[in-house]
Amino acid sequence: MKFNFFKKIWGRKEKPEEKKEEKKETVFEPYRGVDFKILPLITEKTLRLAKENKYTFLVERGINKEQIKNAVEKIFNVKVIKVRTINYQKRQRGLTKIKSTRPKFKKAIVQLQSGQTISIFE
């Protein structure tokens, strides 16, 4: 007697060629005249920080604080006081048989002058 238990739960496996065609990369591109990607990171914690005029962005790993400051000022038309960056290393996650890795990325926390805001975080 055959049981199609896994087919019922997980569905049929698609061919690798079909998966490649269906993948679409979503890109947030408000950066005008900037050579690198800077993406707003919106979570509960970052929305809490936004009330204190601190905004969080994911940025490319090779750029420095001065470039981040100039990009945010150019894109959102605001005055930046301070930039803090955090480099996250590649990390393995998962406690079961299926393990995955979290990629390397860089996060920047930008503090603005009082009275200025970025509308994406509201």
N, C-alpha and C. Protein backbone atom coordinates (compact mmCIF):
# COMPACT_ATOMS: atom_id res chain seq x y z
N MET A 1 0.84 -1.17 0.00
CA MET A 1 0.00 0.00 0.00
C MET A 1 0.89 1.24 0.00
N LYS A 2 0.66 2.17 -0.93
CA LYS A 2 1.47 3.36 -1.02
C LYS A 2 0.81 4.50 -0.27
N PHE A 3 1.67 5.24 0.43
CA PHE A 3 1.19 6.44 1.12
C PHE A 3 1.85 7.65 0.47
N ASN A 4 1.05 8.56 0.05
CA ASN A 4 1.57 9.80 -0.52
C ASN A 4 1.51 10.92 0.51
N PHE A 5 2.00 10.59 1.69
CA PHE A 5 1.93 11.51 2.81
C PHE A 5 2.68 12.81 2.52
N PHE A 6 3.91 12.68 2.03
CA PHE A 6 4.71 13.89 1.80
C PHE A 6 4.19 14.71 0.64
N LYS A 7 3.61 14.07 -0.35
CA LYS A 7 3.06 14.83 -1.45
C LYS A 7 1.86 15.65 -1.01
N LYS A 8 1.08 15.12 -0.06
CA LYS A 8 -0.07 15.87 0.42
C LYS A 8 0.37 17.08 1.24
N ILE A 9 1.41 16.90 2.06
CA ILE A 9 1.85 18.00 2.91
C ILE A 9 2.68 19.02 2.13
N TRP A 10 3.69 18.55 1.46
CA TRP A 10 4.65 19.46 0.83
C TRP A 10 4.33 19.77 -0.63
N GLY A 11 3.45 19.03 -1.23
CA GLY A 11 3.14 19.26 -2.64
C GLY A 11 4.20 18.65 -3.54
N ARG A 12 3.99 18.77 -4.80
CA ARG A 12 4.94 18.20 -5.75
C ARG A 12 6.19 19.07 -5.83
N LYS A 13 7.29 18.41 -6.06
CA LYS A 13 8.52 19.15 -6.25
C LYS A 13 8.58 19.66 -7.69
N GLU A 14 8.97 20.91 -7.82
CA GLU A 14 9.08 21.51 -9.14
C GLU A 14 10.48 21.29 -9.68
N LYS A 15 10.58 21.34 -10.97
CA LYS A 15 11.89 21.21 -11.59
C LYS A 15 12.70 22.47 -11.29
N PRO A 16 14.01 22.33 -11.13
CA PRO A 16 14.84 23.50 -10.83
C PRO A 16 14.74 24.60 -11.88
N GLU A 17 14.51 24.23 -13.14
CA GLU A 17 14.40 25.22 -14.20
C GLU A 17 13.18 26.10 -13.99
N GLU A 18 12.05 25.51 -13.53
CA GLU A 18 10.83 26.28 -13.32
C GLU A 18 10.99 27.26 -12.17
N LYS A 19 11.72 26.88 -11.12
CA LYS A 19 11.92 27.77 -9.98
C LYS A 19 12.71 29.01 -10.38
N LYS A 20 13.70 28.85 -11.24
CA LYS A 20 14.51 29.98 -11.65
C LYS A 20 13.69 30.99 -12.43
N GLU A 21 12.75 30.52 -13.22
CA GLU A 21 11.92 31.43 -14.01
C GLU A 21 10.95 32.20 -13.12
N GLU A 22 10.45 31.59 -12.06
CA GLU A 22 9.46 32.23 -11.21
C GLU A 22 10.05 33.25 -10.25
N LYS A 23 11.34 33.14 -9.94
CA LYS A 23 11.95 34.06 -9.00
C LYS A 23 11.99 35.47 -9.58
N LYS A 24 11.48 36.42 -8.80
CA LYS A 24 11.55 37.82 -9.17
C LYS A 24 12.16 38.58 -8.01
N GLU A 25 13.16 39.35 -8.31
CA GLU A 25 13.84 40.09 -7.26
C GLU A 25 13.12 41.42 -7.06
N THR A 26 12.69 41.68 -5.81
CA THR A 26 12.07 42.95 -5.51
C THR A 26 13.13 43.90 -5.00
N VAL A 27 13.20 45.05 -5.60
CA VAL A 27 14.24 46.01 -5.27
C VAL A 27 13.59 47.34 -4.94
N PHE A 28 13.99 47.90 -3.82
CA PHE A 28 13.54 49.23 -3.41
C PHE A 28 14.57 50.23 -3.94
N GLU A 29 14.17 51.10 -4.85
CA GLU A 29 15.13 51.98 -5.47
C GLU A 29 14.76 53.46 -5.37
N PRO A 30 14.80 54.03 -4.17
CA PRO A 30 14.59 55.47 -4.11
C PRO A 30 15.90 56.22 -4.24
N TYR A 31 17.03 55.50 -4.37
CA TYR A 31 18.32 56.17 -4.41
C TYR A 31 18.56 56.77 -5.78
N ARG A 32 18.65 58.08 -5.80
CA ARG A 32 18.87 58.81 -7.04
C ARG A 32 20.29 59.36 -7.04
N GLY A 33 21.09 58.94 -7.99
CA GLY A 33 22.46 59.43 -8.09
C GLY A 33 23.40 58.80 -7.09
N VAL A 34 23.02 57.66 -6.50
CA VAL A 34 23.86 56.95 -5.55
C VAL A 34 24.29 55.64 -6.19
N ASP A 35 25.57 55.28 -6.02
CA ASP A 35 26.13 54.12 -6.71
C ASP A 35 25.90 52.80 -5.98
N PHE A 36 25.33 52.82 -4.79
CA PHE A 36 25.17 51.60 -4.01
C PHE A 36 23.74 51.51 -3.49
N LYS A 37 23.40 50.32 -2.98
CA LYS A 37 22.04 50.10 -2.48
C LYS A 37 21.95 50.48 -1.01
N ILE A 38 20.88 51.16 -0.66
CA ILE A 38 20.58 51.50 0.73
C ILE A 38 19.09 51.25 0.92
N LEU A 39 18.75 50.27 1.75
CA LEU A 39 17.37 49.82 1.91
C LEU A 39 16.88 50.08 3.33
N PRO A 40 15.71 50.67 3.51
CA PRO A 40 15.20 50.88 4.86
C PRO A 40 14.81 49.55 5.50
N LEU A 41 15.15 49.39 6.76
CA LEU A 41 14.82 48.19 7.52
C LEU A 41 13.68 48.54 8.46
N ILE A 42 12.51 47.94 8.23
CA ILE A 42 11.32 48.29 9.01
C ILE A 42 10.91 47.09 9.85
N THR A 43 11.13 47.20 11.16
CA THR A 43 10.70 46.20 12.13
C THR A 43 10.07 46.94 13.31
N GLU A 44 9.62 46.21 14.30
CA GLU A 44 9.04 46.86 15.48
C GLU A 44 10.08 47.71 16.20
N LYS A 45 11.29 47.20 16.30
CA LYS A 45 12.34 47.93 17.00
C LYS A 45 12.73 49.19 16.24
N THR A 46 12.83 49.11 14.92
CA THR A 46 13.22 50.29 14.16
C THR A 46 12.13 51.35 14.16
N LEU A 47 10.88 50.94 14.24
CA LEU A 47 9.79 51.91 14.35
C LEU A 47 9.83 52.61 15.71
N ARG A 48 10.25 51.89 16.74
CA ARG A 48 10.42 52.49 18.06
C ARG A 48 11.57 53.49 18.04
N LEU A 49 12.66 53.14 17.36
CA LEU A 49 13.81 54.04 17.25
C LEU A 49 13.48 55.27 16.40
N ALA A 50 12.55 55.11 15.45
CA ALA A 50 12.18 56.23 14.58
C ALA A 50 11.54 57.37 15.37
N LYS A 51 10.92 57.05 16.48
CA LYS A 51 10.33 58.10 17.34
C LYS A 51 11.42 58.94 18.00
N GLU A 52 12.64 58.39 18.10
CA GLU A 52 13.79 59.11 18.67
C GLU A 52 14.66 59.72 17.58
N ASN A 53 14.15 59.82 16.35
CA ASN A 53 14.88 60.33 15.18
C ASN A 53 16.08 59.47 14.81
N LYS A 54 15.99 58.16 15.02
CA LYS A 54 17.03 57.23 14.59
C LYS A 54 16.41 56.26 13.60
N TYR A 55 16.97 56.21 12.39
CA TYR A 55 16.42 55.39 11.32
C TYR A 55 17.44 54.34 10.91
N THR A 56 16.95 53.13 10.60
CA THR A 56 17.82 51.99 10.31
C THR A 56 17.73 51.60 8.84
N PHE A 57 18.90 51.33 8.26
CA PHE A 57 19.00 50.95 6.85
C PHE A 57 19.93 49.76 6.69
N LEU A 58 19.64 48.91 5.71
CA LEU A 58 20.58 47.88 5.29
C LEU A 58 21.39 48.47 4.15
N VAL A 59 22.71 48.37 4.25
CA VAL A 59 23.58 48.96 3.23
C VAL A 59 24.56 47.91 2.73
N GLU A 60 25.22 48.21 1.62
CA GLU A 60 26.24 47.30 1.12
C GLU A 60 27.42 47.30 2.07
N ARG A 61 28.15 46.19 2.09
CA ARG A 61 29.21 46.01 3.08
C ARG A 61 30.43 46.88 2.84
N GLY A 62 30.67 47.34 1.63
CA GLY A 62 31.91 48.04 1.33
C GLY A 62 31.90 49.54 1.51
N ILE A 63 30.78 50.13 1.94
CA ILE A 63 30.71 51.59 2.02
C ILE A 63 30.94 52.05 3.46
N ASN A 64 31.39 53.30 3.59
CA ASN A 64 31.71 53.82 4.92
C ASN A 64 30.64 54.78 5.43
N LYS A 65 30.85 55.32 6.63
CA LYS A 65 29.85 56.16 7.27
C LYS A 65 29.61 57.46 6.51
N GLU A 66 30.66 58.03 5.96
CA GLU A 66 30.51 59.29 5.23
C GLU A 66 29.67 59.10 3.97
N GLN A 67 29.86 57.99 3.27
CA GLN A 67 29.05 57.71 2.09
C GLN A 67 27.59 57.48 2.46
N ILE A 68 27.35 56.78 3.59
CA ILE A 68 25.98 56.55 4.06
C ILE A 68 25.31 57.88 4.40
N LYS A 69 26.04 58.74 5.09
CA LYS A 69 25.51 60.05 5.47
C LYS A 69 25.13 60.86 4.24
N ASN A 70 26.02 60.93 3.26
CA ASN A 70 25.74 61.69 2.04
C ASN A 70 24.56 61.12 1.27
N ALA A 71 24.45 59.79 1.23
CA ALA A 71 23.35 59.15 0.50
C ALA A 71 22.01 59.44 1.14
N VAL A 72 21.92 59.33 2.46
CA VAL A 72 20.65 59.58 3.16
C VAL A 72 20.25 61.04 3.01
N GLU A 73 21.22 61.94 3.11
CA GLU A 73 20.91 63.35 2.94
C GLU A 73 20.42 63.66 1.52
N LYS A 74 21.03 63.01 0.54
CA LYS A 74 20.66 63.25 -0.86
C LYS A 74 19.30 62.64 -1.21
N ILE A 75 19.03 61.41 -0.72
CA ILE A 75 17.80 60.72 -1.08
C ILE A 75 16.58 61.32 -0.38
N PHE A 76 16.69 61.53 0.94
CA PHE A 76 15.53 61.92 1.73
C PHE A 76 15.48 63.40 2.07
N ASN A 77 16.46 64.20 1.64
CA ASN A 77 16.50 65.65 1.91
C ASN A 77 16.39 65.97 3.39
N VAL A 78 17.27 65.38 4.18
CA VAL A 78 17.31 65.61 5.63
C VAL A 78 18.75 65.90 6.03
N LYS A 79 18.95 66.36 7.28
CA LYS A 79 20.28 66.64 7.81
C LYS A 79 20.65 65.54 8.80
N VAL A 80 21.74 64.81 8.54
CA VAL A 80 22.18 63.70 9.38
C VAL A 80 23.19 64.20 10.40
N ILE A 81 22.99 63.84 11.68
CA ILE A 81 23.91 64.21 12.74
C ILE A 81 24.95 63.12 12.96
N LYS A 82 24.49 61.86 13.03
CA LYS A 82 25.37 60.77 13.44
C LYS A 82 25.01 59.50 12.67
N VAL A 83 26.03 58.69 12.36
CA VAL A 83 25.83 57.40 11.69
C VAL A 83 26.57 56.34 12.48
N ARG A 84 25.86 55.28 12.82
CA ARG A 84 26.48 54.12 13.48
C ARG A 84 26.29 52.92 12.58
N THR A 85 27.32 52.09 12.42
CA THR A 85 27.23 50.92 11.56
C THR A 85 27.53 49.65 12.34
N ILE A 86 26.93 48.55 11.89
CA ILE A 86 27.13 47.24 12.50
C ILE A 86 27.34 46.24 11.38
N ASN A 87 28.43 45.50 11.43
CA ASN A 87 28.71 44.45 10.46
C ASN A 87 28.30 43.11 11.06
N TYR A 88 27.40 42.41 10.41
CA TYR A 88 26.98 41.09 10.85
C TYR A 88 27.71 40.05 10.02
N GLN A 89 28.27 39.05 10.66
CA GLN A 89 28.99 37.98 9.98
C GLN A 89 28.02 36.86 9.57
N LYS A 90 28.49 36.02 8.67
CA LYS A 90 27.71 34.87 8.23
C LYS A 90 27.54 33.93 9.42
N ARG A 91 26.32 33.40 9.61
CA ARG A 91 26.04 32.57 10.77
C ARG A 91 25.14 31.41 10.37
N GLN A 92 25.40 30.25 10.95
CA GLN A 92 24.56 29.10 10.68
C GLN A 92 23.41 29.10 11.68
N ARG A 93 22.22 28.83 11.19
CA ARG A 93 21.05 28.79 12.07
C ARG A 93 20.25 27.53 11.80
N GLY A 94 19.48 27.13 12.75
CA GLY A 94 18.66 25.93 12.63
C GLY A 94 19.16 24.84 13.55
N LEU A 95 18.27 24.28 14.35
CA LEU A 95 18.65 23.24 15.30
C LEU A 95 18.24 21.85 14.84
N THR A 96 17.52 21.78 13.74
CA THR A 96 17.05 20.49 13.25
C THR A 96 17.97 19.98 12.14
N LYS A 97 17.51 18.99 11.42
CA LYS A 97 18.31 18.45 10.33
C LYS A 97 18.48 19.46 9.20
N ILE A 98 17.49 20.30 9.02
CA ILE A 98 17.55 21.30 7.97
C ILE A 98 18.24 22.54 8.54
N LYS A 99 19.42 22.85 8.04
CA LYS A 99 20.16 24.00 8.52
C LYS A 99 20.34 24.98 7.39
N SER A 100 20.39 26.24 7.74
CA SER A 100 20.59 27.28 6.74
C SER A 100 21.61 28.27 7.29
N THR A 101 22.04 29.18 6.45
CA THR A 101 22.99 30.19 6.90
C THR A 101 22.40 31.57 6.67
N ARG A 102 22.66 32.45 7.62
CA ARG A 102 22.28 33.84 7.48
C ARG A 102 23.43 34.54 6.77
N PRO A 103 23.18 35.31 5.74
CA PRO A 103 24.28 35.91 4.99
C PRO A 103 24.92 37.08 5.74
N LYS A 104 26.09 37.50 5.26
CA LYS A 104 26.75 38.68 5.80
C LYS A 104 25.96 39.91 5.37
N PHE A 105 25.84 40.89 6.26
CA PHE A 105 25.22 42.15 5.87
C PHE A 105 25.67 43.26 6.81
N LYS A 106 25.40 44.48 6.41
CA LYS A 106 25.78 45.66 7.19
C LYS A 106 24.54 46.49 7.46
N LYS A 107 24.41 46.94 8.70
CA LYS A 107 23.26 47.73 9.10
C LYS A 107 23.76 49.09 9.57
N ALA A 108 23.05 50.15 9.18
CA ALA A 108 23.42 51.50 9.57
C ALA A 108 22.26 52.15 10.31
N ILE A 109 22.58 52.76 11.46
CA ILE A 109 21.58 53.51 12.23
C ILE A 109 21.94 54.98 12.09
N VAL A 110 21.02 55.76 11.51
CA VAL A 110 21.27 57.15 11.19
C VAL A 110 20.42 58.03 12.09
N GLN A 111 21.06 59.01 12.75
CA GLN A 111 20.33 59.93 13.61
C GLN A 111 20.20 61.26 12.89
N LEU A 112 18.96 61.78 12.86
CA LEU A 112 18.67 63.03 12.17
C LEU A 112 18.55 64.18 13.16
N GLN A 113 18.56 65.40 12.63
CA GLN A 113 18.31 66.58 13.47
C GLN A 113 16.88 66.52 13.98
N SER A 114 16.65 67.15 15.13
CA SER A 114 15.30 67.13 15.70
C SER A 114 14.36 67.91 14.78
N GLY A 115 13.16 67.36 14.62
CA GLY A 115 12.15 67.99 13.78
C GLY A 115 12.11 67.44 12.37
N GLN A 116 13.12 66.67 11.95
CA GLN A 116 13.13 66.09 10.62
C GLN A 116 12.75 64.61 10.70
N THR A 117 12.02 64.14 9.70
CA THR A 117 11.59 62.73 9.68
C THR A 117 11.73 62.16 8.28
N ILE A 118 11.69 60.84 8.21
CA ILE A 118 11.64 60.12 6.94
C ILE A 118 10.29 59.44 6.88
N SER A 119 9.52 59.71 5.84
CA SER A 119 8.12 59.29 5.78
C SER A 119 7.93 57.78 5.68
N ILE A 120 8.92 57.03 5.23
CA ILE A 120 8.79 55.58 5.07
C ILE A 120 8.55 54.91 6.42
N PHE A 121 9.14 55.44 7.47
CA PHE A 121 9.09 54.80 8.79
C PHE A 121 7.86 55.18 9.60
N GLU A 122 6.97 55.98 9.05
CA GLU A 122 5.79 56.38 9.83
C GLU A 122 4.59 55.55 9.50
